[in-house]
């Protein structure tokens, strides 16, 4: 979750991001009063960071990285 925290600073005006861990699940809540495109870009950024974190963890564990 720390790998995503820096991105929570400077979120677009009207956008809020909340993250929590529930068991083995990362719960991400994104609320936006801005246009839909801004919300989609924000969610895309979060997913990109998650994918990078997943690949880094996999490489440290010696697993093959998930396909893009």
C-alpha atoms as a PDB file:
ATOM      1  CA  UNK A   1       0.000   0.000   0.000  1.00  0.00           C
ATOM      2  CA  UNK A   2       2.940   2.348   0.662  1.00  0.00           C
ATOM      3  CA  UNK A   3       3.911   2.144  -3.013  1.00  0.00           C
ATOM      4  CA  UNK A   4       0.674   3.929  -3.877  1.00  0.00           C
ATOM      5  CA  UNK A   5       0.668   6.520  -1.099  1.00  0.00           C
ATOM      6  CA  UNK A   6       2.820   9.153  -2.880  1.00  0.00           C
ATOM      7  CA  UNK A   7       0.254   9.225  -5.679  1.00  0.00           C
ATOM      8  CA  UNK A   8      -2.462  10.169  -3.204  1.00  0.00           C
ATOM      9  CA  UNK A   9      -0.869  13.582  -2.829  1.00  0.00           C
ATOM     10  CA  UNK A  10      -1.922  16.087  -5.427  1.00  0.00           C
ATOM     11  CA  UNK A  11      -4.966  14.187  -6.638  1.00  0.00           C
ATOM     12  CA  UNK A  12      -7.158  16.180  -9.022  1.00  0.00           C
ATOM     13  CA  UNK A  13      -9.539  18.667  -7.425  1.00  0.00           C
ATOM     14  CA  UNK A  14     -12.802  16.907  -6.639  1.00  0.00           C
ATOM     15  CA  UNK A  15     -11.175  13.469  -6.394  1.00  0.00           C
ATOM     16  CA  UNK A  16     -10.719  11.493  -3.192  1.00  0.00           C
ATOM     17  CA  UNK A  17      -8.880   8.190  -2.812  1.00  0.00           C
ATOM     18  CA  UNK A  18      -9.188   5.942   0.229  1.00  0.00           C
ATOM     19  CA  UNK A  19      -7.236   2.719   0.657  1.00  0.00           C
ATOM     20  CA  UNK A  20      -7.438   0.028   3.291  1.00  0.00           C
ATOM     21  CA  UNK A  21      -6.457  -3.589   3.755  1.00  0.00           C
ATOM     22  CA  UNK A  22      -9.108  -6.173   4.588  1.00  0.00           C
ATOM     23  CA  UNK A  23      -7.553  -9.588   5.175  1.00  0.00           C
ATOM     24  CA  UNK A  24      -5.639 -10.342   1.989  1.00  0.00           C
ATOM     25  CA  UNK A  25      -7.504  -7.698  -0.039  1.00  0.00           C
ATOM     26  CA  UNK A  26      -6.538  -4.147  -0.874  1.00  0.00           C
ATOM     27  CA  UNK A  27      -9.678  -2.028  -0.977  1.00  0.00           C
ATOM     28  CA  UNK A  28      -9.429   1.161  -3.026  1.00  0.00           C
ATOM     29  CA  UNK A  29     -12.278   3.651  -3.095  1.00  0.00           C
ATOM     30  CA  UNK A  30     -12.127   6.485  -5.613  1.00  0.00           C
ATOM     31  CA  UNK A  31     -14.748   9.234  -5.531  1.00  0.00           C
ATOM     32  CA  UNK A  32     -14.760  12.006  -8.106  1.00  0.00           C
ATOM     33  CA  UNK A  33     -17.035  14.978  -8.679  1.00  0.00           C
ATOM     34  CA  UNK A  34     -15.037  15.799 -11.810  1.00  0.00           C
ATOM     35  CA  UNK A  35     -15.734  14.397 -15.264  1.00  0.00           C
ATOM     36  CA  UNK A  36     -15.657  10.681 -16.030  1.00  0.00           C
ATOM     37  CA  UNK A  37     -12.402  10.935 -18.014  1.00  0.00           C
ATOM     38  CA  UNK A  38     -10.569  12.263 -14.976  1.00  0.00           C
ATOM     39  CA  UNK A  39     -11.896   9.375 -12.869  1.00  0.00           C
ATOM     40  CA  UNK A  40     -10.820   6.843 -15.509  1.00  0.00           C
ATOM     41  CA  UNK A  41      -7.297   8.354 -15.668  1.00  0.00           C
ATOM     42  CA  UNK A  42      -7.022   8.192 -11.876  1.00  0.00           C
ATOM     43  CA  UNK A  43      -8.130   4.550 -11.745  1.00  0.00           C
ATOM     44  CA  UNK A  44      -5.772   3.734 -14.625  1.00  0.00           C
ATOM     45  CA  UNK A  45      -2.876   5.297 -12.699  1.00  0.00           C
ATOM     46  CA  UNK A  46      -3.734   3.239  -9.608  1.00  0.00           C
ATOM     47  CA  UNK A  47      -3.907   0.012 -11.623  1.00  0.00           C
ATOM     48  CA  UNK A  48      -0.574   0.805 -13.272  1.00  0.00           C
ATOM     49  CA  UNK A  49       1.062   1.295  -9.855  1.00  0.00           C
ATOM     50  CA  UNK A  50      -0.469  -1.941  -8.592  1.00  0.00           C
ATOM     51  CA  UNK A  51       0.841  -3.812 -11.629  1.00  0.00           C
ATOM     52  CA  UNK A  52       4.354  -2.435 -11.045  1.00  0.00           C
ATOM     53  CA  UNK A  53       4.222  -3.402  -7.372  1.00  0.00           C
ATOM     54  CA  UNK A  54       2.999  -6.896  -8.269  1.00  0.00           C
ATOM     55  CA  UNK A  55       5.841  -7.363 -10.762  1.00  0.00           C
ATOM     56  CA  UNK A  56       8.418  -6.146  -8.248  1.00  0.00           C
ATOM     57  CA  UNK A  57       7.143  -8.550  -5.595  1.00  0.00           C
ATOM     58  CA  UNK A  58       7.106 -11.418  -8.078  1.00  0.00           C
ATOM     59  CA  UNK A  59      10.685 -10.728  -9.108  1.00  0.00           C
ATOM     60  CA  UNK A  60      11.816 -10.645  -5.471  1.00  0.00           C
ATOM     61  CA  UNK A  61      10.083 -13.955  -4.820  1.00  0.00           C
ATOM     62  CA  UNK A  62      11.728 -15.475  -7.878  1.00  0.00           C
ATOM     63  CA  UNK A  63       8.418 -15.955  -9.688  1.00  0.00           C
ATOM     64  CA  UNK A  64       8.009 -15.036 -13.284  1.00  0.00           C
ATOM     65  CA  UNK A  65       6.383 -11.634 -13.679  1.00  0.00           C
ATOM     66  CA  UNK A  66       2.752 -11.591 -14.796  1.00  0.00           C
ATOM     67  CA  UNK A  67       2.235 -10.921 -18.478  1.00  0.00           C
ATOM     68  CA  UNK A  68       1.405  -7.298 -19.376  1.00  0.00           C
END
